[in-house]
Protein backbone atom coordinates (compact mmCIF):
# COMPACT_ATOMS: atom_id res chain seq x y z
CA UNK A 1 0.00 0.00 0.00
CA UNK A 2 1.26 3.46 -0.88
CA UNK A 3 1.35 6.53 1.33
CA UNK A 4 -2.10 7.51 0.02
CA UNK A 5 -4.30 5.00 -1.76
CA UNK A 6 -3.13 1.91 -3.64
CA UNK A 7 -3.75 1.41 -7.33
CA UNK A 8 -7.33 0.48 -6.74
CA UNK A 9 -9.84 0.06 -9.58
CA UNK A 10 -11.31 3.57 -10.19
CA UNK A 11 -14.91 2.88 -9.16
CA UNK A 12 -13.75 1.30 -5.90
CA UNK A 13 -11.25 4.10 -5.32
CA UNK A 14 -14.09 6.60 -5.65
CA UNK A 15 -15.96 5.07 -2.70
CA UNK A 16 -13.01 3.83 -0.61
CA UNK A 17 -10.22 6.33 -1.27
CA UNK A 18 -10.63 8.17 2.03
CA UNK A 19 -10.32 4.91 3.93
CA UNK A 20 -6.59 4.80 3.20
CA UNK A 21 -6.10 8.02 5.19
CA UNK A 22 -7.60 6.52 8.34
CA UNK A 23 -5.28 5.73 11.29
CA UNK A 24 -6.11 2.01 11.25
CA UNK A 25 -4.99 1.72 7.63
CA UNK A 26 -1.74 3.54 8.34
CA UNK A 27 -1.12 1.13 11.22
CA UNK A 28 -1.94 -1.80 8.97
CA UNK A 29 0.54 -0.60 6.38
CA UNK A 30 3.27 -0.30 9.03
CA UNK A 31 2.46 -3.80 10.23
CA UNK A 32 2.73 -5.24 6.72
CA UNK A 33 6.04 -3.49 6.10
CA UNK A 34 7.47 -5.04 9.28
CA UNK A 35 5.98 -8.46 8.47
CA UNK A 36 7.67 -8.50 5.08
CA UNK A 37 11.03 -7.78 6.70
CA UNK A 38 10.71 -10.97 8.75
CA UNK A 39 8.82 -13.43 6.58
CA UNK A 40 6.81 -13.97 3.42
CA UNK A 41 3.36 -12.43 3.21
CA UNK A 42 0.70 -13.62 0.77
CA UNK A 43 -0.59 -12.64 -1.68
CA UNK A 44 2.22 -10.49 -3.15
CA UNK A 45 1.64 -6.78 -2.60
CA UNK A 46 0.44 -5.97 -6.14
CA UNK A 47 -2.22 -8.70 -5.87
CA UNK A 48 -3.75 -7.82 -2.50
CA UNK A 49 -6.55 -5.83 -4.16
CA UNK A 50 -6.96 -8.17 -7.14
CA UNK A 51 -10.64 -8.81 -6.38
CA UNK A 52 -11.39 -5.12 -6.85
CA UNK A 53 -9.52 -4.99 -10.16
CA UNK A 54 -11.54 -7.88 -11.59
CA UNK A 55 -14.98 -6.73 -10.41
CA UNK A 56 -15.82 -2.99 -10.48
CA UNK A 57 -18.59 -1.71 -8.21
CA UNK A 58 -21.25 -1.52 -10.92
CA UNK A 59 -20.48 -5.04 -12.10
CA UNK A 60 -20.93 -6.82 -8.73
CA UNK A 61 -23.83 -9.31 -8.84
CA UNK A 62 -22.64 -11.97 -6.38
CA UNK A 63 -20.33 -11.62 -3.37
CA UNK A 64 -18.49 -14.69 -2.10
CA UNK A 65 -16.95 -13.79 1.22
CA UNK A 66 -14.15 -15.99 2.53
CA UNK A 67 -11.85 -15.71 5.54
CA UNK A 68 -8.17 -15.05 4.79
CA UNK A 69 -5.91 -15.90 1.83
CA UNK A 70 -4.23 -19.25 1.34
CA UNK A 71 -0.97 -19.29 3.28
CA UNK A 72 1.08 -21.63 1.06
CA UNK A 73 3.67 -20.39 -1.41
CA UNK A 74 2.23 -19.56 -4.82
CA UNK A 75 -1.40 -20.08 -3.83
CA UNK A 76 -3.06 -16.75 -3.02
CA UNK A 77 -3.51 -14.21 -5.80
CA UNK A 78 -6.11 -11.87 -4.37
CA UNK A 79 -9.34 -13.71 -5.24
CA UNK A 80 -10.83 -15.67 -2.36
CA UNK A 81 -10.60 -19.46 -2.75
CA UNK A 82 -8.88 -19.10 -6.15
CA UNK A 83 -5.44 -20.30 -7.21
CA UNK A 84 -3.70 -19.73 -10.52
CA UNK A 85 -3.58 -22.38 -13.20
CA UNK A 86 -0.86 -24.92 -12.54
CA UNK A 87 -1.27 -24.68 -8.75
CA UNK A 88 -2.76 -27.70 -7.01
CA UNK A 89 -6.41 -27.11 -6.12
CA UNK A 90 -6.64 -26.63 -2.31
CA UNK A 91 -9.05 -28.78 -0.24
CA UNK A 92 -11.55 -25.95 0.36
CA UNK A 93 -11.83 -25.32 -3.36
CA UNK A 94 -12.16 -29.06 -4.02
CA UNK A 95 -15.21 -29.00 -1.74
CA UNK A 96 -16.61 -25.95 -3.54
CA UNK A 97 -16.31 -27.81 -6.83
CA UNK A 98 -17.97 -30.89 -5.28
CA UNK A 99 -20.91 -28.80 -4.13
CA UNK A 100 -21.13 -27.12 -7.52
CA UNK A 101 -21.29 -30.51 -9.21
CA UNK A 102 -23.93 -31.76 -6.78
CA UNK A 103 -25.97 -28.57 -7.14
CA UNK A 104 -25.77 -27.82 -10.88
CA UNK A 105 -24.04 -30.83 -12.40
CA UNK A 106 -20.93 -28.85 -13.27
CA UNK A 107 -17.98 -31.27 -13.44
CA UNK A 108 -14.85 -30.34 -11.44
CA UNK A 109 -12.46 -28.31 -13.60
CA UNK A 110 -8.79 -29.10 -14.16
CA UNK A 111 -7.62 -25.92 -12.45
CA UNK A 112 -8.64 -23.60 -9.62
CA UNK A 113 -8.48 -20.18 -11.27
CA UNK A 114 -11.79 -18.44 -10.52
CA UNK A 115 -11.02 -15.33 -12.58
CA UNK A 116 -13.85 -16.09 -14.99
CA UNK A 117 -16.32 -15.91 -12.09
CA UNK A 118 -14.89 -12.53 -11.06
CA UNK A 119 -15.16 -11.19 -14.60
CA UNK A 120 -18.86 -12.07 -14.63
CA UNK A 121 -19.52 -10.05 -11.49
CA UNK A 122 -18.69 -12.49 -8.69
CA UNK A 123 -16.77 -10.38 -6.16
CA UNK A 124 -14.31 -12.81 -4.54
CA UNK A 125 -13.45 -11.05 -1.29
CA UNK A 126 -11.77 -12.30 1.87
CA UNK A 127 -12.52 -10.68 5.23
CA UNK A 128 -8.75 -10.38 5.76
CA UNK A 129 -6.65 -9.60 2.68
CA UNK A 130 -3.22 -10.84 3.71
CA UNK A 131 -1.61 -13.65 5.68
CA UNK A 132 1.78 -14.70 7.01
CA UNK A 133 3.35 -17.65 5.22
CA UNK A 134 2.27 -21.00 6.70
CA UNK A 135 0.16 -19.36 9.43
CA UNK A 136 -3.56 -19.24 8.80
CA UNK A 137 -5.46 -16.38 10.45
CA UNK A 138 -2.16 -14.63 11.29
CA UNK A 139 -3.34 -11.20 10.10
CA UNK A 140 -6.73 -11.26 11.81
CA UNK A 141 -7.34 -8.27 14.06
CA UNK A 142 -4.84 -6.01 12.30
CA UNK A 143 -7.32 -3.76 10.53
CA UNK A 144 -8.40 -5.65 7.45
CA UNK A 145 -11.76 -6.50 8.99
CA UNK A 146 -12.50 -2.78 9.43
CA UNK A 147 -11.60 -2.18 5.79
CA UNK A 148 -13.75 -5.01 4.46
CA UNK A 149 -16.60 -3.82 6.69
CA UNK A 150 -16.38 -0.52 4.80
CA UNK A 151 -16.31 -2.36 1.49
CA UNK A 152 -19.52 -4.21 2.32
CA UNK A 153 -21.17 -1.10 3.74
CA UNK A 154 -20.42 0.92 0.60
CA UNK A 155 -21.60 -1.89 -1.64
CA UNK A 156 -24.83 -2.18 0.36
CA UNK A 157 -25.31 1.59 0.16
CA UNK A 158 -24.98 1.96 -3.60
CA UNK A 159 -26.15 -1.40 -4.96
CA UNK A 160 -29.01 -3.86 -4.47
CA UNK A 161 -30.25 -7.22 -5.80
CA UNK A 162 -26.87 -8.76 -5.00
CA UNK A 163 -26.42 -12.36 -3.83
CA UNK A 164 -24.18 -12.59 -0.76
CA UNK A 165 -22.66 -16.01 -0.11
CA UNK A 166 -21.28 -15.91 3.43
CA UNK A 167 -19.17 -18.97 4.15
CA UNK A 168 -17.91 -19.33 7.71
CA UNK A 169 -18.34 -17.27 10.86
CA UNK A 170 -16.07 -14.29 9.95
CA UNK A 171 -18.03 -13.78 6.73
CA UNK A 172 -21.37 -14.06 8.52
CA UNK A 173 -20.40 -11.28 10.91
CA UNK A 174 -21.08 -8.92 8.00
CA UNK A 175 -24.83 -9.78 7.98
CA UNK A 176 -25.90 -6.74 10.09
CA UNK A 177 -24.48 -4.46 7.38
CA UNK A 178 -26.69 -5.96 4.70
CA UNK A 179 -30.33 -5.36 3.77
CA UNK A 180 -32.10 -8.72 3.38
CA UNK A 181 -35.11 -7.01 1.83
CA UNK A 182 -32.92 -5.69 -1.02
CA UNK A 183 -30.54 -8.63 -1.51
CA UNK A 184 -30.30 -12.39 -1.15
CA UNK A 185 -28.19 -13.45 1.83
CA UNK A 186 -27.02 -17.07 1.85
CA UNK A 187 -25.14 -18.49 4.83
CA UNK A 188 -23.26 -21.78 5.16
CA UNK A 189 -20.33 -23.35 6.95
CA UNK A 190 -16.88 -22.72 5.53
CA UNK A 191 -15.91 -25.21 2.77
CA UNK A 192 -12.77 -26.23 4.63
CA UNK A 193 -12.49 -30.01 5.20
CA UNK A 194 -12.88 -29.23 8.92
CA UNK A 195 -16.38 -27.80 8.48
CA UNK A 196 -17.68 -28.49 4.96
CA UNK A 197 -19.89 -31.36 6.14
CA UNK A 198 -21.38 -29.22 8.90
CA UNK A 199 -23.53 -27.20 6.52
CA UNK A 200 -21.62 -26.31 3.38
CA UNK A 201 -22.15 -29.50 1.41
CA UNK A 202 -25.72 -29.49 0.23
CA UNK A 203 -26.24 -25.74 0.67
CA UNK A 204 -27.09 -25.30 -3.05
CA UNK A 205 -25.95 -21.71 -3.07
CA UNK A 206 -25.01 -21.72 -6.75
CA UNK A 207 -28.46 -22.63 -8.04
CA UNK A 208 -30.12 -20.29 -5.54
CA UNK A 209 -27.91 -17.45 -6.74
CA UNK A 210 -28.74 -17.99 -10.39
CA UNK A 211 -32.44 -18.30 -9.66
CA UNK A 212 -32.41 -15.00 -7.77
CA UNK A 213 -30.46 -13.20 -10.50
CA UNK A 214 -32.86 -14.39 -13.18
CA UNK A 215 -35.86 -13.40 -11.07
CA UNK A 216 -34.41 -9.89 -10.91
CA UNK A 217 -33.74 -9.54 -14.62
CA UNK A 218 -30.07 -10.48 -14.59
CA UNK A 219 -28.19 -13.16 -16.50
CA UNK A 220 -27.18 -16.22 -14.45
CA UNK A 221 -23.53 -16.84 -13.63
CA UNK A 222 -21.78 -19.43 -15.76
CA UNK A 223 -20.12 -21.38 -12.95
CA UNK A 224 -18.34 -23.75 -15.34
CA UNK A 225 -14.69 -22.66 -15.54
CA UNK A 226 -13.10 -22.52 -18.99
CA UNK A 227 -10.37 -25.11 -19.69
C-alpha atoms as a PDB file:
ATOM      1  CA  UNK A   1       0.000   0.000   0.000  1.00  0.00           C
ATOM      2  CA  UNK A   2       1.265   3.461  -0.881  1.00  0.00           C
ATOM      3  CA  UNK A   3       1.346   6.534   1.333  1.00  0.00           C
ATOM      4  CA  UNK A   4      -2.096   7.505   0.020  1.00  0.00           C
ATOM      5  CA  UNK A   5      -4.295   4.999  -1.764  1.00  0.00           C
ATOM      6  CA  UNK A   6      -3.130   1.908  -3.645  1.00  0.00           C
ATOM      7  CA  UNK A   7      -3.750   1.407  -7.327  1.00  0.00           C
ATOM      8  CA  UNK A   8      -7.334   0.485  -6.741  1.00  0.00           C
ATOM      9  CA  UNK A   9      -9.845   0.064  -9.576  1.00  0.00           C
ATOM     10  CA  UNK A  10     -11.312   3.569 -10.187  1.00  0.00           C
ATOM     11  CA  UNK A  11     -14.908   2.876  -9.159  1.00  0.00           C
ATOM     12  CA  UNK A  12     -13.754   1.296  -5.897  1.00  0.00           C
ATOM     13  CA  UNK A  13     -11.249   4.097  -5.325  1.00  0.00           C
ATOM     14  CA  UNK A  14     -14.092   6.598  -5.648  1.00  0.00           C
ATOM     15  CA  UNK A  15     -15.958   5.071  -2.697  1.00  0.00           C
ATOM     16  CA  UNK A  16     -13.008   3.829  -0.610  1.00  0.00           C
ATOM     17  CA  UNK A  17     -10.221   6.327  -1.267  1.00  0.00           C
ATOM     18  CA  UNK A  18     -10.628   8.174   2.027  1.00  0.00           C
ATOM     19  CA  UNK A  19     -10.321   4.913   3.925  1.00  0.00           C
ATOM     20  CA  UNK A  20      -6.590   4.798   3.204  1.00  0.00           C
ATOM     21  CA  UNK A  21      -6.099   8.020   5.187  1.00  0.00           C
ATOM     22  CA  UNK A  22      -7.596   6.523   8.344  1.00  0.00           C
ATOM     23  CA  UNK A  23      -5.280   5.725  11.293  1.00  0.00           C
ATOM     24  CA  UNK A  24      -6.105   2.012  11.252  1.00  0.00           C
ATOM     25  CA  UNK A  25      -4.987   1.719   7.634  1.00  0.00           C
ATOM     26  CA  UNK A  26      -1.743   3.537   8.337  1.00  0.00           C
ATOM     27  CA  UNK A  27      -1.116   1.128  11.216  1.00  0.00           C
ATOM     28  CA  UNK A  28      -1.944  -1.797   8.966  1.00  0.00           C
ATOM     29  CA  UNK A  29       0.544  -0.603   6.376  1.00  0.00           C
ATOM     30  CA  UNK A  30       3.267  -0.302   9.028  1.00  0.00           C
ATOM     31  CA  UNK A  31       2.457  -3.801  10.235  1.00  0.00           C
ATOM     32  CA  UNK A  32       2.732  -5.241   6.717  1.00  0.00           C
ATOM     33  CA  UNK A  33       6.040  -3.488   6.105  1.00  0.00           C
ATOM     34  CA  UNK A  34       7.474  -5.035   9.278  1.00  0.00           C
ATOM     35  CA  UNK A  35       5.984  -8.455   8.474  1.00  0.00           C
ATOM     36  CA  UNK A  36       7.675  -8.504   5.080  1.00  0.00           C
ATOM     37  CA  UNK A  37      11.026  -7.780   6.704  1.00  0.00           C
ATOM     38  CA  UNK A  38      10.709 -10.974   8.749  1.00  0.00           C
ATOM     39  CA  UNK A  39       8.825 -13.430   6.582  1.00  0.00           C
ATOM     40  CA  UNK A  40       6.815 -13.966   3.418  1.00  0.00           C
ATOM     41  CA  UNK A  41       3.359 -12.433   3.210  1.00  0.00           C
ATOM     42  CA  UNK A  42       0.696 -13.619   0.774  1.00  0.00           C
ATOM     43  CA  UNK A  43      -0.586 -12.635  -1.675  1.00  0.00           C
ATOM     44  CA  UNK A  44       2.218 -10.488  -3.146  1.00  0.00           C
ATOM     45  CA  UNK A  45       1.642  -6.776  -2.598  1.00  0.00           C
ATOM     46  CA  UNK A  46       0.440  -5.974  -6.138  1.00  0.00           C
ATOM     47  CA  UNK A  47      -2.222  -8.703  -5.872  1.00  0.00           C
ATOM     48  CA  UNK A  48      -3.747  -7.815  -2.495  1.00  0.00           C
ATOM     49  CA  UNK A  49      -6.549  -5.827  -4.161  1.00  0.00           C
ATOM     50  CA  UNK A  50      -6.959  -8.166  -7.144  1.00  0.00           C
ATOM     51  CA  UNK A  51     -10.636  -8.815  -6.384  1.00  0.00           C
ATOM     52  CA  UNK A  52     -11.386  -5.120  -6.847  1.00  0.00           C
ATOM     53  CA  UNK A  53      -9.521  -4.990 -10.164  1.00  0.00           C
ATOM     54  CA  UNK A  54     -11.543  -7.884 -11.590  1.00  0.00           C
ATOM     55  CA  UNK A  55     -14.978  -6.726 -10.409  1.00  0.00           C
ATOM     56  CA  UNK A  56     -15.819  -2.990 -10.483  1.00  0.00           C
ATOM     57  CA  UNK A  57     -18.588  -1.713  -8.210  1.00  0.00           C
ATOM     58  CA  UNK A  58     -21.250  -1.519 -10.920  1.00  0.00           C
ATOM     59  CA  UNK A  59     -20.484  -5.045 -12.096  1.00  0.00           C
ATOM     60  CA  UNK A  60     -20.934  -6.822  -8.733  1.00  0.00           C
ATOM     61  CA  UNK A  61     -23.831  -9.312  -8.836  1.00  0.00           C
ATOM     62  CA  UNK A  62     -22.636 -11.971  -6.378  1.00  0.00           C
ATOM     63  CA  UNK A  63     -20.331 -11.620  -3.373  1.00  0.00           C
ATOM     64  CA  UNK A  64     -18.492 -14.689  -2.101  1.00  0.00           C
ATOM     65  CA  UNK A  65     -16.945 -13.790   1.218  1.00  0.00           C
ATOM     66  CA  UNK A  66     -14.154 -15.990   2.527  1.00  0.00           C
ATOM     67  CA  UNK A  67     -11.853 -15.706   5.541  1.00  0.00           C
ATOM     68  CA  UNK A  68      -8.166 -15.052   4.791  1.00  0.00           C
ATOM     69  CA  UNK A  69      -5.908 -15.902   1.829  1.00  0.00           C
ATOM     70  CA  UNK A  70      -4.228 -19.251   1.336  1.00  0.00           C
ATOM     71  CA  UNK A  71      -0.965 -19.289   3.277  1.00  0.00           C
ATOM     72  CA  UNK A  72       1.077 -21.633   1.061  1.00  0.00           C
ATOM     73  CA  UNK A  73       3.675 -20.387  -1.408  1.00  0.00           C
ATOM     74  CA  UNK A  74       2.233 -19.560  -4.821  1.00  0.00           C
ATOM     75  CA  UNK A  75      -1.397 -20.078  -3.832  1.00  0.00           C
ATOM     76  CA  UNK A  76      -3.059 -16.747  -3.016  1.00  0.00           C
ATOM     77  CA  UNK A  77      -3.505 -14.208  -5.803  1.00  0.00           C
ATOM     78  CA  UNK A  78      -6.109 -11.871  -4.373  1.00  0.00           C
ATOM     79  CA  UNK A  79      -9.340 -13.710  -5.240  1.00  0.00           C
ATOM     80  CA  UNK A  80     -10.830 -15.667  -2.361  1.00  0.00           C
ATOM     81  CA  UNK A  81     -10.604 -19.459  -2.755  1.00  0.00           C
ATOM     82  CA  UNK A  82      -8.883 -19.095  -6.154  1.00  0.00           C
ATOM     83  CA  UNK A  83      -5.437 -20.299  -7.214  1.00  0.00           C
ATOM     84  CA  UNK A  84      -3.696 -19.732 -10.519  1.00  0.00           C
ATOM     85  CA  UNK A  85      -3.581 -22.380 -13.203  1.00  0.00           C
ATOM     86  CA  UNK A  86      -0.858 -24.917 -12.543  1.00  0.00           C
ATOM     87  CA  UNK A  87      -1.270 -24.675  -8.748  1.00  0.00           C
ATOM     88  CA  UNK A  88      -2.764 -27.701  -7.006  1.00  0.00           C
ATOM     89  CA  UNK A  89      -6.415 -27.110  -6.120  1.00  0.00           C
ATOM     90  CA  UNK A  90      -6.638 -26.634  -2.309  1.00  0.00           C
ATOM     91  CA  UNK A  91      -9.046 -28.779  -0.244  1.00  0.00           C
ATOM     92  CA  UNK A  92     -11.548 -25.946   0.360  1.00  0.00           C
ATOM     93  CA  UNK A  93     -11.830 -25.321  -3.356  1.00  0.00           C
ATOM     94  CA  UNK A  94     -12.158 -29.057  -4.020  1.00  0.00           C
ATOM     95  CA  UNK A  95     -15.205 -28.996  -1.745  1.00  0.00           C
ATOM     96  CA  UNK A  96     -16.609 -25.949  -3.544  1.00  0.00           C
ATOM     97  CA  UNK A  97     -16.312 -27.810  -6.832  1.00  0.00           C
ATOM     98  CA  UNK A  98     -17.971 -30.885  -5.284  1.00  0.00           C
ATOM     99  CA  UNK A  99     -20.914 -28.804  -4.130  1.00  0.00           C
ATOM    100  CA  UNK A 100     -21.132 -27.118  -7.516  1.00  0.00           C
ATOM    101  CA  UNK A 101     -21.293 -30.512  -9.207  1.00  0.00           C
ATOM    102  CA  UNK A 102     -23.932 -31.759  -6.777  1.00  0.00           C
ATOM    103  CA  UNK A 103     -25.973 -28.572  -7.141  1.00  0.00           C
ATOM    104  CA  UNK A 104     -25.770 -27.825 -10.877  1.00  0.00           C
ATOM    105  CA  UNK A 105     -24.042 -30.834 -12.402  1.00  0.00           C
ATOM    106  CA  UNK A 106     -20.926 -28.849 -13.272  1.00  0.00           C
ATOM    107  CA  UNK A 107     -17.977 -31.270 -13.443  1.00  0.00           C
ATOM    108  CA  UNK A 108     -14.846 -30.343 -11.435  1.00  0.00           C
ATOM    109  CA  UNK A 109     -12.457 -28.307 -13.601  1.00  0.00           C
ATOM    110  CA  UNK A 110      -8.795 -29.104 -14.162  1.00  0.00           C
ATOM    111  CA  UNK A 111      -7.624 -25.921 -12.445  1.00  0.00           C
ATOM    112  CA  UNK A 112      -8.636 -23.598  -9.617  1.00  0.00           C
ATOM    113  CA  UNK A 113      -8.480 -20.177 -11.269  1.00  0.00           C
ATOM    114  CA  UNK A 114     -11.789 -18.441 -10.521  1.00  0.00           C
ATOM    115  CA  UNK A 115     -11.022 -15.330 -12.576  1.00  0.00           C
ATOM    116  CA  UNK A 116     -13.853 -16.092 -14.992  1.00  0.00           C
ATOM    117  CA  UNK A 117     -16.320 -15.905 -12.091  1.00  0.00           C
ATOM    118  CA  UNK A 118     -14.887 -12.529 -11.059  1.00  0.00           C
ATOM    119  CA  UNK A 119     -15.156 -11.189 -14.601  1.00  0.00           C
ATOM    120  CA  UNK A 120     -18.863 -12.075 -14.630  1.00  0.00           C
ATOM    121  CA  UNK A 121     -19.522 -10.053 -11.494  1.00  0.00           C
ATOM    122  CA  UNK A 122     -18.687 -12.489  -8.691  1.00  0.00           C
ATOM    123  CA  UNK A 123     -16.775 -10.384  -6.157  1.00  0.00           C
ATOM    124  CA  UNK A 124     -14.314 -12.813  -4.541  1.00  0.00           C
ATOM    125  CA  UNK A 125     -13.454 -11.053  -1.290  1.00  0.00           C
ATOM    126  CA  UNK A 126     -11.771 -12.297   1.867  1.00  0.00           C
ATOM    127  CA  UNK A 127     -12.523 -10.675   5.228  1.00  0.00           C
ATOM    128  CA  UNK A 128      -8.748 -10.385   5.755  1.00  0.00           C
ATOM    129  CA  UNK A 129      -6.654  -9.595   2.677  1.00  0.00           C
ATOM    130  CA  UNK A 130      -3.217 -10.839   3.706  1.00  0.00           C
ATOM    131  CA  UNK A 131      -1.614 -13.653   5.680  1.00  0.00           C
ATOM    132  CA  UNK A 132       1.782 -14.702   7.015  1.00  0.00           C
ATOM    133  CA  UNK A 133       3.351 -17.653   5.222  1.00  0.00           C
ATOM    134  CA  UNK A 134       2.274 -20.998   6.695  1.00  0.00           C
ATOM    135  CA  UNK A 135       0.160 -19.357   9.432  1.00  0.00           C
ATOM    136  CA  UNK A 136      -3.562 -19.243   8.796  1.00  0.00           C
ATOM    137  CA  UNK A 137      -5.465 -16.376  10.449  1.00  0.00           C
ATOM    138  CA  UNK A 138      -2.162 -14.630  11.289  1.00  0.00           C
ATOM    139  CA  UNK A 139      -3.344 -11.196  10.102  1.00  0.00           C
ATOM    140  CA  UNK A 140      -6.731 -11.259  11.810  1.00  0.00           C
ATOM    141  CA  UNK A 141      -7.339  -8.273  14.063  1.00  0.00           C
ATOM    142  CA  UNK A 142      -4.839  -6.013  12.300  1.00  0.00           C
ATOM    143  CA  UNK A 143      -7.321  -3.757  10.531  1.00  0.00           C
ATOM    144  CA  UNK A 144      -8.399  -5.649   7.454  1.00  0.00           C
ATOM    145  CA  UNK A 145     -11.763  -6.496   8.987  1.00  0.00           C
ATOM    146  CA  UNK A 146     -12.501  -2.785   9.434  1.00  0.00           C
ATOM    147  CA  UNK A 147     -11.604  -2.176   5.794  1.00  0.00           C
ATOM    148  CA  UNK A 148     -13.752  -5.007   4.462  1.00  0.00           C
ATOM    149  CA  UNK A 149     -16.603  -3.816   6.691  1.00  0.00           C
ATOM    150  CA  UNK A 150     -16.378  -0.516   4.802  1.00  0.00           C
ATOM    151  CA  UNK A 151     -16.307  -2.359   1.487  1.00  0.00           C
ATOM    152  CA  UNK A 152     -19.519  -4.215   2.315  1.00  0.00           C
ATOM    153  CA  UNK A 153     -21.167  -1.098   3.735  1.00  0.00           C
ATOM    154  CA  UNK A 154     -20.422   0.921   0.598  1.00  0.00           C
ATOM    155  CA  UNK A 155     -21.599  -1.885  -1.640  1.00  0.00           C
ATOM    156  CA  UNK A 156     -24.829  -2.177   0.364  1.00  0.00           C
ATOM    157  CA  UNK A 157     -25.314   1.594   0.164  1.00  0.00           C
ATOM    158  CA  UNK A 158     -24.984   1.960  -3.597  1.00  0.00           C
ATOM    159  CA  UNK A 159     -26.154  -1.402  -4.961  1.00  0.00           C
ATOM    160  CA  UNK A 160     -29.007  -3.858  -4.475  1.00  0.00           C
ATOM    161  CA  UNK A 161     -30.254  -7.216  -5.798  1.00  0.00           C
ATOM    162  CA  UNK A 162     -26.874  -8.763  -5.002  1.00  0.00           C
ATOM    163  CA  UNK A 163     -26.424 -12.357  -3.830  1.00  0.00           C
ATOM    164  CA  UNK A 164     -24.181 -12.585  -0.755  1.00  0.00           C
ATOM    165  CA  UNK A 165     -22.661 -16.014  -0.111  1.00  0.00           C
ATOM    166  CA  UNK A 166     -21.282 -15.910   3.426  1.00  0.00           C
ATOM    167  CA  UNK A 167     -19.168 -18.974   4.152  1.00  0.00           C
ATOM    168  CA  UNK A 168     -17.910 -19.326   7.711  1.00  0.00           C
ATOM    169  CA  UNK A 169     -18.339 -17.266  10.860  1.00  0.00           C
ATOM    170  CA  UNK A 170     -16.073 -14.294   9.953  1.00  0.00           C
ATOM    171  CA  UNK A 171     -18.027 -13.780   6.735  1.00  0.00           C
ATOM    172  CA  UNK A 172     -21.368 -14.064   8.520  1.00  0.00           C
ATOM    173  CA  UNK A 173     -20.402 -11.285  10.907  1.00  0.00           C
ATOM    174  CA  UNK A 174     -21.084  -8.921   7.999  1.00  0.00           C
ATOM    175  CA  UNK A 175     -24.828  -9.777   7.981  1.00  0.00           C
ATOM    176  CA  UNK A 176     -25.903  -6.740  10.089  1.00  0.00           C
ATOM    177  CA  UNK A 177     -24.479  -4.461   7.376  1.00  0.00           C
ATOM    178  CA  UNK A 178     -26.692  -5.960   4.697  1.00  0.00           C
ATOM    179  CA  UNK A 179     -30.331  -5.361   3.771  1.00  0.00           C
ATOM    180  CA  UNK A 180     -32.099  -8.718   3.379  1.00  0.00           C
ATOM    181  CA  UNK A 181     -35.109  -7.008   1.828  1.00  0.00           C
ATOM    182  CA  UNK A 182     -32.924  -5.690  -1.016  1.00  0.00           C
ATOM    183  CA  UNK A 183     -30.538  -8.627  -1.511  1.00  0.00           C
ATOM    184  CA  UNK A 184     -30.295 -12.393  -1.155  1.00  0.00           C
ATOM    185  CA  UNK A 185     -28.195 -13.449   1.832  1.00  0.00           C
ATOM    186  CA  UNK A 186     -27.021 -17.069   1.846  1.00  0.00           C
ATOM    187  CA  UNK A 187     -25.141 -18.493   4.833  1.00  0.00           C
ATOM    188  CA  UNK A 188     -23.255 -21.778   5.163  1.00  0.00           C
ATOM    189  CA  UNK A 189     -20.328 -23.351   6.950  1.00  0.00           C
ATOM    190  CA  UNK A 190     -16.880 -22.720   5.535  1.00  0.00           C
ATOM    191  CA  UNK A 191     -15.913 -25.211   2.772  1.00  0.00           C
ATOM    192  CA  UNK A 192     -12.765 -26.233   4.626  1.00  0.00           C
ATOM    193  CA  UNK A 193     -12.485 -30.008   5.204  1.00  0.00           C
ATOM    194  CA  UNK A 194     -12.878 -29.225   8.922  1.00  0.00           C
ATOM    195  CA  UNK A 195     -16.376 -27.803   8.477  1.00  0.00           C
ATOM    196  CA  UNK A 196     -17.678 -28.492   4.962  1.00  0.00           C
ATOM    197  CA  UNK A 197     -19.895 -31.355   6.137  1.00  0.00           C
ATOM    198  CA  UNK A 198     -21.375 -29.221   8.898  1.00  0.00           C
ATOM    199  CA  UNK A 199     -23.528 -27.204   6.521  1.00  0.00           C
ATOM    200  CA  UNK A 200     -21.620 -26.306   3.379  1.00  0.00           C
ATOM    201  CA  UNK A 201     -22.148 -29.501   1.412  1.00  0.00           C
ATOM    202  CA  UNK A 202     -25.722 -29.495   0.228  1.00  0.00           C
ATOM    203  CA  UNK A 203     -26.238 -25.743   0.665  1.00  0.00           C
ATOM    204  CA  UNK A 204     -27.087 -25.304  -3.046  1.00  0.00           C
ATOM    205  CA  UNK A 205     -25.953 -21.708  -3.067  1.00  0.00           C
ATOM    206  CA  UNK A 206     -25.010 -21.717  -6.753  1.00  0.00           C
ATOM    207  CA  UNK A 207     -28.460 -22.635  -8.035  1.00  0.00           C
ATOM    208  CA  UNK A 208     -30.122 -20.288  -5.542  1.00  0.00           C
ATOM    209  CA  UNK A 209     -27.913 -17.445  -6.740  1.00  0.00           C
ATOM    210  CA  UNK A 210     -28.740 -17.992 -10.388  1.00  0.00           C
ATOM    211  CA  UNK A 211     -32.442 -18.298  -9.662  1.00  0.00           C
ATOM    212  CA  UNK A 212     -32.410 -15.002  -7.771  1.00  0.00           C
ATOM    213  CA  UNK A 213     -30.462 -13.203 -10.498  1.00  0.00           C
ATOM    214  CA  UNK A 214     -32.864 -14.391 -13.180  1.00  0.00           C
ATOM    215  CA  UNK A 215     -35.864 -13.404 -11.068  1.00  0.00           C
ATOM    216  CA  UNK A 216     -34.408  -9.891 -10.907  1.00  0.00           C
ATOM    217  CA  UNK A 217     -33.744  -9.543 -14.616  1.00  0.00           C
ATOM    218  CA  UNK A 218     -30.067 -10.484 -14.594  1.00  0.00           C
ATOM    219  CA  UNK A 219     -28.194 -13.160 -16.495  1.00  0.00           C
ATOM    220  CA  UNK A 220     -27.180 -16.217 -14.445  1.00  0.00           C
ATOM    221  CA  UNK A 221     -23.531 -16.835 -13.625  1.00  0.00           C
ATOM    222  CA  UNK A 222     -21.783 -19.429 -15.757  1.00  0.00           C
ATOM    223  CA  UNK A 223     -20.121 -21.380 -12.947  1.00  0.00           C
ATOM    224  CA  UNK A 224     -18.339 -23.754 -15.343  1.00  0.00           C
ATOM    225  CA  UNK A 225     -14.695 -22.664 -15.544  1.00  0.00           C
ATOM    226  CA  UNK A 226     -13.098 -22.516 -18.989  1.00  0.00           C
ATOM    227  CA  UNK A 227     -10.375 -25.111 -19.685  1.00  0.00           C
END
